[in-house]
Full PDB file with SEQRES, HELIX, SHEET, SSBOND, CRYST1, ORIGX, SCALE, CONECT and MASTER records, all heavy atoms in Angstrom:
SEQRES   1 A   40  TRP PHE LEU SER VAL ASN LEU LEU GLN GLU VAL GLY GLY          
SEQRES   2 A   40  PHE HIS ASP ASP PHE PHE MET TYR GLY GLU ASP LYS GLU          
SEQRES   3 A   40  TYR CYS TYR ARG SER ARG PHE HIS GLY PHE SER PRO ILE          
SEQRES   4 A   40  VAL                                                          
HELIX    1 AA1 VAL A    5  VAL A   11  1                                   7    
HELIX    2 AA2 GLU A   23  PHE A   33  1                                  11    
CRYST1    1.000    1.000    1.000  90.00  90.00  90.00 P 1           1          
ORIGX1      1.000000  0.000000  0.000000        0.00000                         
ORIGX2      0.000000  1.000000  0.000000        0.00000                         
ORIGX3      0.000000  0.000000  1.000000        0.00000                         
SCALE1      1.000000  0.000000  0.000000        0.00000                         
SCALE2      0.000000  1.000000  0.000000        0.00000                         
SCALE3      0.000000  0.000000  1.000000        0.00000                         
ATOM      1  N   TRP A   1      91.786 180.950 228.948  1.00  0.00           N  
ATOM      2  CA  TRP A   1      91.398 181.603 227.751  1.00  0.00           C  
ATOM      3  C   TRP A   1      92.443 181.635 226.686  1.00  0.00           C  
ATOM      4  O   TRP A   1      93.675 181.671 226.992  1.00  0.00           O  
ATOM      5  CB  TRP A   1      91.160 183.131 228.099  1.00  0.00           C  
ATOM      6  CG  TRP A   1      89.682 183.553 228.396  1.00  0.00           C  
ATOM      7  CD1 TRP A   1      88.676 182.728 228.522  1.00  0.00           C  
ATOM      8  CD2 TRP A   1      89.343 184.853 228.708  1.00  0.00           C  
ATOM      9  NE1 TRP A   1      87.539 183.487 228.915  1.00  0.00           N  
ATOM     10  CE2 TRP A   1      87.898 184.815 228.935  1.00  0.00           C  
ATOM     11  CE3 TRP A   1      89.911 186.112 228.694  1.00  0.00           C  
ATOM     12  CZ2 TRP A   1      87.143 185.899 229.292  1.00  0.00           C  
ATOM     13  CZ3 TRP A   1      89.113 187.274 228.993  1.00  0.00           C  
ATOM     14  CH2 TRP A   1      87.774 187.100 229.345  1.00  0.00           C  
ATOM     15  N   PHE A   2      92.079 181.512 225.470  1.00  0.00           N  
ATOM     16  CA  PHE A   2      92.864 181.837 224.347  1.00  0.00           C  
ATOM     17  C   PHE A   2      92.546 183.190 223.783  1.00  0.00           C  
ATOM     18  O   PHE A   2      91.346 183.564 223.589  1.00  0.00           O  
ATOM     19  CB  PHE A   2      92.761 180.868 223.174  1.00  0.00           C  
ATOM     20  CG  PHE A   2      93.625 181.144 221.971  1.00  0.00           C  
ATOM     21  CD1 PHE A   2      94.845 180.609 221.886  1.00  0.00           C  
ATOM     22  CD2 PHE A   2      93.186 182.007 220.961  1.00  0.00           C  
ATOM     23  CE1 PHE A   2      95.734 180.850 220.806  1.00  0.00           C  
ATOM     24  CE2 PHE A   2      94.039 182.249 219.867  1.00  0.00           C  
ATOM     25  CZ  PHE A   2      95.271 181.728 219.822  1.00  0.00           C  
ATOM     26  N   LEU A   3      93.544 184.146 223.721  1.00  0.00           N  
ATOM     27  CA  LEU A   3      93.397 185.429 223.245  1.00  0.00           C  
ATOM     28  C   LEU A   3      94.333 185.653 222.047  1.00  0.00           C  
ATOM     29  O   LEU A   3      95.449 185.499 222.156  1.00  0.00           O  
ATOM     30  CB  LEU A   3      93.688 186.482 224.299  1.00  0.00           C  
ATOM     31  CG  LEU A   3      92.956 186.415 225.611  1.00  0.00           C  
ATOM     32  CD1 LEU A   3      93.684 187.175 226.668  1.00  0.00           C  
ATOM     33  CD2 LEU A   3      91.561 186.954 225.354  1.00  0.00           C  
ATOM     34  N   SER A   4      93.705 185.974 220.873  1.00  0.00           N  
ATOM     35  CA  SER A   4      94.445 186.198 219.643  1.00  0.00           C  
ATOM     36  C   SER A   4      95.172 187.616 219.781  1.00  0.00           C  
ATOM     37  O   SER A   4      94.719 188.424 220.478  1.00  0.00           O  
ATOM     38  CB  SER A   4      93.614 186.073 218.435  1.00  0.00           C  
ATOM     39  OG  SER A   4      92.729 187.201 218.352  1.00  0.00           O  
ATOM     40  N   VAL A   5      96.239 187.717 219.102  1.00  0.00           N  
ATOM     41  CA  VAL A   5      96.933 189.014 219.060  1.00  0.00           C  
ATOM     42  C   VAL A   5      96.024 190.079 218.429  1.00  0.00           C  
ATOM     43  O   VAL A   5      96.024 191.230 218.819  1.00  0.00           O  
ATOM     44  CB  VAL A   5      98.248 188.943 218.302  1.00  0.00           C  
ATOM     45  CG1 VAL A   5      98.928 190.251 218.057  1.00  0.00           C  
ATOM     46  CG2 VAL A   5      99.280 188.106 219.106  1.00  0.00           C  
ATOM     47  N   ASN A   6      95.277 189.676 217.402  1.00  0.00           N  
ATOM     48  CA  ASN A   6      94.353 190.632 216.803  1.00  0.00           C  
ATOM     49  C   ASN A   6      93.297 191.164 217.792  1.00  0.00           C  
ATOM     50  O   ASN A   6      93.098 192.383 217.821  1.00  0.00           O  
ATOM     51  CB  ASN A   6      93.530 189.936 215.687  1.00  0.00           C  
ATOM     52  CG  ASN A   6      92.554 190.799 215.006  1.00  0.00           C  
ATOM     53  OD1 ASN A   6      92.829 191.981 214.618  1.00  0.00           O  
ATOM     54  ND2 ASN A   6      91.316 190.270 214.924  1.00  0.00           N  
ATOM     55  N   LEU A   7      92.782 190.237 218.611  1.00  0.00           N  
ATOM     56  CA  LEU A   7      91.893 190.727 219.735  1.00  0.00           C  
ATOM     57  C   LEU A   7      92.591 191.671 220.678  1.00  0.00           C  
ATOM     58  O   LEU A   7      92.043 192.762 220.976  1.00  0.00           O  
ATOM     59  CB  LEU A   7      91.411 189.496 220.459  1.00  0.00           C  
ATOM     60  CG  LEU A   7      90.471 189.751 221.673  1.00  0.00           C  
ATOM     61  CD1 LEU A   7      89.175 190.278 221.193  1.00  0.00           C  
ATOM     62  CD2 LEU A   7      90.267 188.417 222.434  1.00  0.00           C  
ATOM     63  N   LEU A   8      93.817 191.295 221.059  1.00  0.00           N  
ATOM     64  CA  LEU A   8      94.552 192.175 222.092  1.00  0.00           C  
ATOM     65  C   LEU A   8      94.833 193.587 221.489  1.00  0.00           C  
ATOM     66  O   LEU A   8      94.821 194.550 222.173  1.00  0.00           O  
ATOM     67  CB  LEU A   8      95.857 191.435 222.548  1.00  0.00           C  
ATOM     68  CG  LEU A   8      95.568 190.246 223.516  1.00  0.00           C  
ATOM     69  CD1 LEU A   8      96.824 189.456 223.589  1.00  0.00           C  
ATOM     70  CD2 LEU A   8      95.080 190.782 224.819  1.00  0.00           C  
ATOM     71  N   GLN A   9      95.212 193.545 220.197  1.00  0.00           N  
ATOM     72  CA  GLN A   9      95.494 194.864 219.543  1.00  0.00           C  
ATOM     73  C   GLN A   9      94.275 195.680 219.480  1.00  0.00           C  
ATOM     74  O   GLN A   9      94.363 196.967 219.629  1.00  0.00           O  
ATOM     75  CB  GLN A   9      96.052 194.539 218.182  1.00  0.00           C  
ATOM     76  CG  GLN A   9      97.498 193.951 218.139  1.00  0.00           C  
ATOM     77  CD  GLN A   9      97.932 193.553 216.734  1.00  0.00           C  
ATOM     78  OE1 GLN A   9      97.099 193.353 215.858  1.00  0.00           O  
ATOM     79  NE2 GLN A   9      99.245 193.452 216.573  1.00  0.00           N  
ATOM     80  N   GLU A  10      93.095 195.080 219.225  1.00  0.00           N  
ATOM     81  CA  GLU A  10      91.929 195.902 218.984  1.00  0.00           C  
ATOM     82  C   GLU A  10      91.153 196.287 220.374  1.00  0.00           C  
ATOM     83  O   GLU A  10      90.642 197.305 220.570  1.00  0.00           O  
ATOM     84  CB  GLU A  10      90.840 195.116 218.124  1.00  0.00           C  
ATOM     85  CG  GLU A  10      91.322 194.987 216.736  1.00  0.00           C  
ATOM     86  CD  GLU A  10      91.381 196.257 215.950  1.00  0.00           C  
ATOM     87  OE1 GLU A  10      90.598 197.263 216.230  1.00  0.00           O  
ATOM     88  OE2 GLU A  10      92.358 196.403 215.113  1.00  0.00           O  
ATOM     89  N   VAL A  11      91.261 195.298 221.329  1.00  0.00           N  
ATOM     90  CA  VAL A  11      90.501 195.486 222.576  1.00  0.00           C  
ATOM     91  C   VAL A  11      91.415 195.870 223.781  1.00  0.00           C  
ATOM     92  O   VAL A  11      90.956 196.578 224.662  1.00  0.00           O  
ATOM     93  CB  VAL A  11      89.772 194.205 222.862  1.00  0.00           C  
ATOM     94  CG1 VAL A  11      88.946 194.287 224.254  1.00  0.00           C  
ATOM     95  CG2 VAL A  11      88.780 193.820 221.737  1.00  0.00           C  
ATOM     96  N   GLY A  12      92.609 195.437 223.628  1.00  0.00           N  
ATOM     97  CA  GLY A  12      93.593 195.756 224.700  1.00  0.00           C  
ATOM     98  C   GLY A  12      93.619 194.558 225.728  1.00  0.00           C  
ATOM     99  O   GLY A  12      93.010 193.460 225.479  1.00  0.00           O  
ATOM    100  N   GLY A  13      94.356 194.758 226.783  1.00  0.00           N  
ATOM    101  CA  GLY A  13      94.364 193.741 227.847  1.00  0.00           C  
ATOM    102  C   GLY A  13      93.353 193.825 228.803  1.00  0.00           C  
ATOM    103  O   GLY A  13      92.242 194.489 228.650  1.00  0.00           O  
ATOM    104  N   PHE A  14      93.528 193.198 229.989  1.00  0.00           N  
ATOM    105  CA  PHE A  14      92.567 193.227 231.061  1.00  0.00           C  
ATOM    106  C   PHE A  14      92.522 194.700 231.620  1.00  0.00           C  
ATOM    107  O   PHE A  14      93.509 195.411 231.688  1.00  0.00           O  
ATOM    108  CB  PHE A  14      92.885 192.270 232.147  1.00  0.00           C  
ATOM    109  CG  PHE A  14      92.607 190.901 231.794  1.00  0.00           C  
ATOM    110  CD1 PHE A  14      93.561 190.018 231.305  1.00  0.00           C  
ATOM    111  CD2 PHE A  14      91.326 190.244 231.937  1.00  0.00           C  
ATOM    112  CE1 PHE A  14      93.306 188.693 230.986  1.00  0.00           C  
ATOM    113  CE2 PHE A  14      91.007 189.033 231.623  1.00  0.00           C  
ATOM    114  CZ  PHE A  14      92.049 188.153 231.112  1.00  0.00           C  
ATOM    115  N   HIS A  15      91.405 195.072 232.221  1.00  0.00           N  
ATOM    116  CA  HIS A  15      91.227 196.414 232.843  1.00  0.00           C  
ATOM    117  C   HIS A  15      91.974 196.356 234.161  1.00  0.00           C  
ATOM    118  O   HIS A  15      91.809 195.482 235.010  1.00  0.00           O  
ATOM    119  CB  HIS A  15      89.678 196.610 233.112  1.00  0.00           C  
ATOM    120  CG  HIS A  15      89.373 197.970 233.372  1.00  0.00           C  
ATOM    121  ND1 HIS A  15      89.868 198.778 234.472  1.00  0.00           N  
ATOM    122  CD2 HIS A  15      88.524 198.893 232.750  1.00  0.00           C  
ATOM    123  CE1 HIS A  15      89.376 199.952 234.363  1.00  0.00           C  
ATOM    124  NE2 HIS A  15      88.533 200.000 233.401  1.00  0.00           N  
ATOM    125  N   ASP A  16      92.834 197.356 234.372  1.00  0.00           N  
ATOM    126  CA  ASP A  16      93.680 197.429 235.578  1.00  0.00           C  
ATOM    127  C   ASP A  16      92.958 197.588 236.840  1.00  0.00           C  
ATOM    128  O   ASP A  16      93.476 197.413 237.969  1.00  0.00           O  
ATOM    129  CB  ASP A  16      94.747 198.582 235.427  1.00  0.00           C  
ATOM    130  CG  ASP A  16      95.872 198.122 234.463  1.00  0.00           C  
ATOM    131  OD1 ASP A  16      96.076 196.987 234.198  1.00  0.00           O  
ATOM    132  OD2 ASP A  16      96.633 199.079 234.122  1.00  0.00           O  
ATOM    133  N   ASP A  17      91.683 198.056 236.857  1.00  0.00           N  
ATOM    134  CA  ASP A  17      90.894 198.338 238.063  1.00  0.00           C  
ATOM    135  C   ASP A  17      90.400 197.025 238.706  1.00  0.00           C  
ATOM    136  O   ASP A  17      89.871 197.102 239.841  1.00  0.00           O  
ATOM    137  CB  ASP A  17      89.751 199.251 237.802  1.00  0.00           C  
ATOM    138  CG  ASP A  17      90.215 200.711 237.606  1.00  0.00           C  
ATOM    139  OD1 ASP A  17      91.378 200.919 237.851  1.00  0.00           O  
ATOM    140  OD2 ASP A  17      89.386 201.534 237.184  1.00  0.00           O  
ATOM    141  N   PHE A  18      90.592 195.907 238.046  1.00  0.00           N  
ATOM    142  CA  PHE A  18      90.020 194.636 238.525  1.00  0.00           C  
ATOM    143  C   PHE A  18      91.152 193.826 239.090  1.00  0.00           C  
ATOM    144  O   PHE A  18      91.949 193.278 238.273  1.00  0.00           O  
ATOM    145  CB  PHE A  18      89.234 193.904 237.471  1.00  0.00           C  
ATOM    146  CG  PHE A  18      87.928 194.595 237.049  1.00  0.00           C  
ATOM    147  CD1 PHE A  18      87.990 195.627 236.270  1.00  0.00           C  
ATOM    148  CD2 PHE A  18      86.730 194.194 237.623  1.00  0.00           C  
ATOM    149  CE1 PHE A  18      86.787 196.332 235.876  1.00  0.00           C  
ATOM    150  CE2 PHE A  18      85.497 194.853 237.258  1.00  0.00           C  
ATOM    151  CZ  PHE A  18      85.598 195.867 236.364  1.00  0.00           C  
ATOM    152  N   PHE A  19      91.169 193.549 240.440  1.00  0.00           N  
ATOM    153  CA  PHE A  19      92.144 192.756 241.011  1.00  0.00           C  
ATOM    154  C   PHE A  19      91.852 191.305 240.923  1.00  0.00           C  
ATOM    155  O   PHE A  19      92.609 190.470 240.385  1.00  0.00           O  
ATOM    156  CB  PHE A  19      92.390 193.181 242.458  1.00  0.00           C  
ATOM    157  CG  PHE A  19      93.250 192.205 243.171  1.00  0.00           C  
ATOM    158  CD1 PHE A  19      94.701 192.309 243.031  1.00  0.00           C  
ATOM    159  CD2 PHE A  19      92.842 191.292 244.052  1.00  0.00           C  
ATOM    160  CE1 PHE A  19      95.569 191.429 243.664  1.00  0.00           C  
ATOM    161  CE2 PHE A  19      93.676 190.446 244.740  1.00  0.00           C  
ATOM    162  CZ  PHE A  19      94.982 190.514 244.545  1.00  0.00           C  
ATOM    163  N   MET A  20      90.672 190.879 241.312  1.00  0.00           N  
ATOM    164  CA  MET A  20      90.245 189.519 241.258  1.00  0.00           C  
ATOM    165  C   MET A  20      88.702 189.561 241.202  1.00  0.00           C  
ATOM    166  O   MET A  20      88.080 190.261 241.965  1.00  0.00           O  
ATOM    167  CB  MET A  20      90.644 188.781 242.452  1.00  0.00           C  
ATOM    168  CG  MET A  20      90.382 187.255 242.509  1.00  0.00           C  
ATOM    169  SD  MET A  20      91.046 186.465 243.937  1.00  0.00           S  
ATOM    170  CE  MET A  20      90.420 184.854 243.753  1.00  0.00           C  
ATOM    171  N   TYR A  21      88.163 188.760 240.293  1.00  0.00           N  
ATOM    172  CA  TYR A  21      86.707 188.638 240.007  1.00  0.00           C  
ATOM    173  C   TYR A  21      86.238 189.861 239.114  1.00  0.00           C  
ATOM    174  O   TYR A  21      86.586 190.929 239.458  1.00  0.00           O  
ATOM    175  CB  TYR A  21      85.821 188.592 241.241  1.00  0.00           C  
ATOM    176  CG  TYR A  21      86.071 187.324 242.103  1.00  0.00           C  
ATOM    177  CD1 TYR A  21      86.510 187.428 243.408  1.00  0.00           C  
ATOM    178  CD2 TYR A  21      85.716 186.084 241.618  1.00  0.00           C  
ATOM    179  CE1 TYR A  21      86.709 186.288 244.173  1.00  0.00           C  
ATOM    180  CE2 TYR A  21      85.959 184.948 242.416  1.00  0.00           C  
ATOM    181  CZ  TYR A  21      86.461 185.050 243.636  1.00  0.00           C  
ATOM    182  OH  TYR A  21      86.746 183.978 244.441  1.00  0.00           O  
ATOM    183  N   GLY A  22      85.487 189.506 238.100  1.00  0.00           N  
ATOM    184  CA  GLY A  22      84.901 190.505 237.257  1.00  0.00           C  
ATOM    185  C   GLY A  22      85.669 190.948 236.165  1.00  0.00           C  
ATOM    186  O   GLY A  22      85.245 191.615 235.230  1.00  0.00           O  
ATOM    187  N   GLU A  23      87.061 190.671 236.215  1.00  0.00           N  
ATOM    188  CA  GLU A  23      87.890 191.082 235.075  1.00  0.00           C  
ATOM    189  C   GLU A  23      87.519 190.458 233.761  1.00  0.00           C  
ATOM    190  O   GLU A  23      87.604 191.080 232.676  1.00  0.00           O  
ATOM    191  CB  GLU A  23      89.394 190.918 235.396  1.00  0.00           C  
ATOM    192  CG  GLU A  23      89.843 189.462 235.501  1.00  0.00           C  
ATOM    193  CD  GLU A  23      89.612 188.825 236.891  1.00  0.00           C  
ATOM    194  OE1 GLU A  23      88.518 188.376 237.135  1.00  0.00           O  
ATOM    195  OE2 GLU A  23      90.626 188.772 237.741  1.00  0.00           O  
ATOM    196  N   ASP A  24      87.116 189.191 233.844  1.00  0.00           N  
ATOM    197  CA  ASP A  24      86.728 188.472 232.584  1.00  0.00           C  
ATOM    198  C   ASP A  24      85.336 189.038 232.114  1.00  0.00           C  
ATOM    199  O   ASP A  24      85.170 189.077 230.903  1.00  0.00           O  
ATOM    200  CB  ASP A  24      86.671 186.929 232.824  1.00  0.00           C  
ATOM    201  CG  ASP A  24      85.915 186.534 234.090  1.00  0.00           C  
ATOM    202  OD1 ASP A  24      85.444 187.321 234.826  1.00  0.00           O  
ATOM    203  OD2 ASP A  24      85.984 185.268 234.367  1.00  0.00           O  
ATOM    204  N   LYS A  25      84.458 189.306 233.026  1.00  0.00           N  
ATOM    205  CA  LYS A  25      83.190 189.830 232.638  1.00  0.00           C  
ATOM    206  C   LYS A  25      83.407 191.170 231.905  1.00  0.00           C  
ATOM    207  O   LYS A  25      82.751 191.433 230.809  1.00  0.00           O  
ATOM    208  CB  LYS A  25      82.211 189.948 233.830  1.00  0.00           C  
ATOM    209  CG  LYS A  25      80.832 190.332 233.501  1.00  0.00           C  
ATOM    210  CD  LYS A  25      79.939 190.288 234.696  1.00  0.00           C  
ATOM    211  CE  LYS A  25      79.758 188.969 235.258  1.00  0.00           C  
ATOM    212  NZ  LYS A  25      78.937 187.999 234.325  1.00  0.00           N  
ATOM    213  N   GLU A  26      84.156 191.991 232.472  1.00  0.00           N  
ATOM    214  CA  GLU A  26      84.411 193.345 231.874  1.00  0.00           C  
ATOM    215  C   GLU A  26      85.076 193.198 230.497  1.00  0.00           C  
ATOM    216  O   GLU A  26      84.713 193.855 229.560  1.00  0.00           O  
ATOM    217  CB  GLU A  26      85.343 194.196 232.786  1.00  0.00           C  
ATOM    218  CG  GLU A  26      85.481 195.650 232.337  1.00  0.00           C  
ATOM    219  CD  GLU A  26      86.510 195.854 231.198  1.00  0.00           C  
ATOM    220  OE1 GLU A  26      87.506 195.035 231.187  1.00  0.00           O  
ATOM    221  OE2 GLU A  26      86.380 196.718 230.423  1.00  0.00           O  
ATOM    222  N   TYR A  27      86.042 192.187 230.364  1.00  0.00           N  
ATOM    223  CA  TYR A  27      86.663 191.990 229.148  1.00  0.00           C  
ATOM    224  C   TYR A  27      85.698 191.439 228.072  1.00  0.00           C  
ATOM    225  O   TYR A  27      85.790 191.917 226.926  1.00  0.00           O  
ATOM    226  CB  TYR A  27      87.898 190.995 229.211  1.00  0.00           C  
ATOM    227  CG  TYR A  27      88.841 191.108 228.088  1.00  0.00           C  
ATOM    228  CD1 TYR A  27      89.863 191.979 228.105  1.00  0.00           C  
ATOM    229  CD2 TYR A  27      88.680 190.294 226.981  1.00  0.00           C  
ATOM    230  CE1 TYR A  27      90.769 191.994 227.049  1.00  0.00           C  
ATOM    231  CE2 TYR A  27      89.573 190.359 225.897  1.00  0.00           C  
ATOM    232  CZ  TYR A  27      90.536 191.231 226.033  1.00  0.00           C  
ATOM    233  OH  TYR A  27      91.460 191.314 224.900  1.00  0.00           O  
ATOM    234  N   CYS A  28      84.843 190.632 228.392  1.00  0.00           N  
ATOM    235  CA  CYS A  28      83.874 190.110 227.478  1.00  0.00           C  
ATOM    236  C   CYS A  28      82.911 191.260 227.025  1.00  0.00           C  
ATOM    237  O   CYS A  28      82.619 191.357 225.799  1.00  0.00           O  
ATOM    238  CB  CYS A  28      83.016 188.973 228.120  1.00  0.00           C  
ATOM    239  SG  CYS A  28      83.860 187.353 228.200  1.00  0.00           S  
ATOM    240  N   TYR A  29      82.484 192.189 227.905  1.00  0.00           N  
ATOM    241  CA  TYR A  29      81.684 193.275 227.551  1.00  0.00           C  
ATOM    242  C   TYR A  29      82.421 194.153 226.563  1.00  0.00           C  
ATOM    243  O   TYR A  29      81.828 194.604 225.510  1.00  0.00           O  
ATOM    244  CB  TYR A  29      81.319 194.070 228.837  1.00  0.00           C  
ATOM    245  CG  TYR A  29      80.292 193.476 229.703  1.00  0.00           C  
ATOM    246  CD1 TYR A  29      80.248 193.804 231.058  1.00  0.00           C  
ATOM    247  CD2 TYR A  29      79.420 192.574 229.257  1.00  0.00           C  
ATOM    248  CE1 TYR A  29      79.412 193.286 231.962  1.00  0.00           C  
ATOM    249  CE2 TYR A  29      78.451 192.027 230.178  1.00  0.00           C  
ATOM    250  CZ  TYR A  29      78.444 192.355 231.547  1.00  0.00           C  
ATOM    251  OH  TYR A  29      77.503 191.920 232.318  1.00  0.00           O  
ATOM    252  N   ARG A  30      83.692 194.413 226.886  1.00  0.00           N  
ATOM    253  CA  ARG A  30      84.492 195.331 226.051  1.00  0.00           C  
ATOM    254  C   ARG A  30      84.737 194.693 224.664  1.00  0.00           C  
ATOM    255  O   ARG A  30      84.690 195.422 223.669  1.00  0.00           O  
ATOM    256  CB  ARG A  30      85.794 195.638 226.759  1.00  0.00           C  
ATOM    257  CG  ARG A  30      86.643 196.678 226.074  1.00  0.00           C  
ATOM    258  CD  ARG A  30      87.584 197.401 227.054  1.00  0.00           C  
ATOM    259  NE  ARG A  30      87.996 196.619 228.098  1.00  0.00           N  
ATOM    260  CZ  ARG A  30      89.261 196.077 228.177  1.00  0.00           C  
ATOM    261  NH1 ARG A  30      90.130 196.267 227.238  1.00  0.00           N  
ATOM    262  NH2 ARG A  30      89.619 195.355 229.263  1.00  0.00           N  
ATOM    263  N   SER A  31      85.033 193.348 224.648  1.00  0.00           N  
ATOM    264  CA  SER A  31      85.183 192.657 223.385  1.00  0.00           C  
ATOM    265  C   SER A  31      83.922 192.774 222.469  1.00  0.00           C  
ATOM    266  O   SER A  31      83.991 193.059 221.311  1.00  0.00           O  
ATOM    267  CB  SER A  31      85.430 191.155 223.611  1.00  0.00           C  
ATOM    268  OG  SER A  31      86.642 190.995 224.378  1.00  0.00           O  
ATOM    269  N   ARG A  32      82.755 192.587 223.051  1.00  0.00           N  
ATOM    270  CA  ARG A  32      81.504 192.695 222.313  1.00  0.00           C  
ATOM    271  C   ARG A  32      81.286 194.151 221.842  1.00  0.00           C  
ATOM    272  O   ARG A  32      80.828 194.330 220.753  1.00  0.00           O  
ATOM    273  CB  ARG A  32      80.353 192.218 223.265  1.00  0.00           C  
ATOM    274  CG  ARG A  32      80.420 190.717 223.528  1.00  0.00           C  
ATOM    275  CD  ARG A  32      79.392 190.290 224.517  1.00  0.00           C  
ATOM    276  NE  ARG A  32      78.081 190.838 224.294  1.00  0.00           N  
ATOM    277  CZ  ARG A  32      77.356 191.375 225.184  1.00  0.00           C  
ATOM    278  NH1 ARG A  32      77.720 191.411 226.500  1.00  0.00           N  
ATOM    279  NH2 ARG A  32      76.111 191.866 224.856  1.00  0.00           N  
ATOM    280  N   PHE A  33      81.644 195.105 222.616  1.00  0.00           N  
ATOM    281  CA  PHE A  33      81.561 196.528 222.204  1.00  0.00           C  
ATOM    282  C   PHE A  33      82.371 196.770 220.933  1.00  0.00           C  
ATOM    283  O   PHE A  33      82.013 197.547 220.008  1.00  0.00           O  
ATOM    284  CB  PHE A  33      81.952 197.441 223.268  1.00  0.00           C  
ATOM    285  CG  PHE A  33      82.000 198.880 222.956  1.00  0.00           C  
ATOM    286  CD1 PHE A  33      80.759 199.609 222.830  1.00  0.00           C  
ATOM    287  CD2 PHE A  33      83.159 199.563 222.618  1.00  0.00           C  
ATOM    288  CE1 PHE A  33      80.768 200.947 222.437  1.00  0.00           C  
ATOM    289  CE2 PHE A  33      83.143 200.899 222.248  1.00  0.00           C  
ATOM    290  CZ  PHE A  33      81.953 201.616 222.108  1.00  0.00           C  
ATOM    291  N   HIS A  34      83.566 196.100 220.850  1.00  0.00           N  
ATOM    292  CA  HIS A  34      84.345 196.249 219.653  1.00  0.00           C  
ATOM    293  C   HIS A  34      84.005 195.266 218.499  1.00  0.00           C  
ATOM    294  O   HIS A  34      84.854 195.158 217.565  1.00  0.00           O  
ATOM    295  CB  HIS A  34      85.815 196.028 220.065  1.00  0.00           C  
ATOM    296  CG  HIS A  34      86.484 197.234 220.833  1.00  0.00           C  
ATOM    297  ND1 HIS A  34      86.874 198.305 220.168  1.00  0.00           N  
ATOM    298  CD2 HIS A  34      86.540 197.431 222.173  1.00  0.00           C  
ATOM    299  CE1 HIS A  34      87.324 199.185 221.230  1.00  0.00           C  
ATOM    300  NE2 HIS A  34      87.131 198.718 222.354  1.00  0.00           N  
ATOM    301  N   GLY A  35      82.939 194.589 218.628  1.00  0.00           N  
ATOM    302  CA  GLY A  35      82.511 193.700 217.585  1.00  0.00           C  
ATOM    303  C   GLY A  35      82.955 192.262 217.697  1.00  0.00           C  
ATOM    304  O   GLY A  35      82.648 191.493 216.804  1.00  0.00           O  
ATOM    305  N   PHE A  36      83.652 191.851 218.749  1.00  0.00           N  
ATOM    306  CA  PHE A  36      84.092 190.502 218.935  1.00  0.00           C  
ATOM    307  C   PHE A  36      83.115 189.722 219.741  1.00  0.00           C  
ATOM    308  O   PHE A  36      82.427 190.250 220.535  1.00  0.00           O  
ATOM    309  CB  PHE A  36      85.441 190.444 219.619  1.00  0.00           C  
ATOM    310  CG  PHE A  36      86.601 191.107 218.820  1.00  0.00           C  
ATOM    311  CD1 PHE A  36      86.836 192.429 218.817  1.00  0.00           C  
ATOM    312  CD2 PHE A  36      87.423 190.279 218.000  1.00  0.00           C  
ATOM    313  CE1 PHE A  36      87.866 192.991 218.053  1.00  0.00           C  
ATOM    314  CE2 PHE A  36      88.474 190.778 217.230  1.00  0.00           C  
ATOM    315  CZ  PHE A  36      88.645 192.124 217.312  1.00  0.00           C  
ATOM    316  N   SER A  37      83.076 188.417 219.536  1.00  0.00           N  
ATOM    317  CA  SER A  37      82.190 187.514 220.271  1.00  0.00           C  
ATOM    318  C   SER A  37      82.990 186.533 221.097  1.00  0.00           C  
ATOM    319  O   SER A  37      83.814 185.731 220.592  1.00  0.00           O  
ATOM    320  CB  SER A  37      81.308 186.689 219.299  1.00  0.00           C  
ATOM    321  OG  SER A  37      80.456 187.537 218.530  1.00  0.00           O  
ATOM    322  N   PRO A  38      82.759 186.533 222.368  1.00  0.00           N  
ATOM    323  CA  PRO A  38      83.285 185.420 223.209  1.00  0.00           C  
ATOM    324  C   PRO A  38      82.762 184.050 222.756  1.00  0.00           C  
ATOM    325  O   PRO A  38      81.659 183.983 222.327  1.00  0.00           O  
ATOM    326  CB  PRO A  38      82.816 185.732 224.658  1.00  0.00           C  
ATOM    327  CG  PRO A  38      82.481 187.212 224.657  1.00  0.00           C  
ATOM    328  CD  PRO A  38      81.979 187.507 223.261  1.00  0.00           C  
ATOM    329  N   ILE A  39      83.712 183.073 222.835  1.00  0.00           N  
ATOM    330  CA  ILE A  39      83.368 181.778 222.241  1.00  0.00           C  
ATOM    331  C   ILE A  39      83.711 180.667 223.328  1.00  0.00           C  
ATOM    332  O   ILE A  39      84.816 180.740 223.893  1.00  0.00           O  
ATOM    333  CB  ILE A  39      84.164 181.507 220.928  1.00  0.00           C  
ATOM    334  CG1 ILE A  39      83.572 182.449 219.820  1.00  0.00           C  
ATOM    335  CG2 ILE A  39      84.025 180.077 220.594  1.00  0.00           C  
ATOM    336  CD1 ILE A  39      84.307 182.377 218.505  1.00  0.00           C  
ATOM    337  N   VAL A  40      82.855 179.739 223.400  1.00  0.00           N  
ATOM    338  CA  VAL A  40      83.119 178.513 224.237  1.00  0.00           C  
ATOM    339  C   VAL A  40      83.322 177.403 223.163  1.00  0.00           C  
ATOM    340  O   VAL A  40      82.515 177.034 222.361  1.00  0.00           O  
ATOM    341  CB  VAL A  40      81.986 178.132 225.156  1.00  0.00           C  
ATOM    342  CG1 VAL A  40      82.188 176.786 225.731  1.00  0.00           C  
ATOM    343  CG2 VAL A  40      81.734 179.134 226.276  1.00  0.00           C  
TER     344      VAL A  40                                                      
MASTER        0    0    0    2    0    0    0    6  343    1    0    4          
END                                                                             
């Protein structure tokens, strides 16, 4: 992943409750909640 500083400032980092698997899904959900769009 590429994560801009603007994205990290608005959305934050990864959720601490996710050790492995699902952390990216939760981050994409949270990004979209804040108005950001995941991009391929």
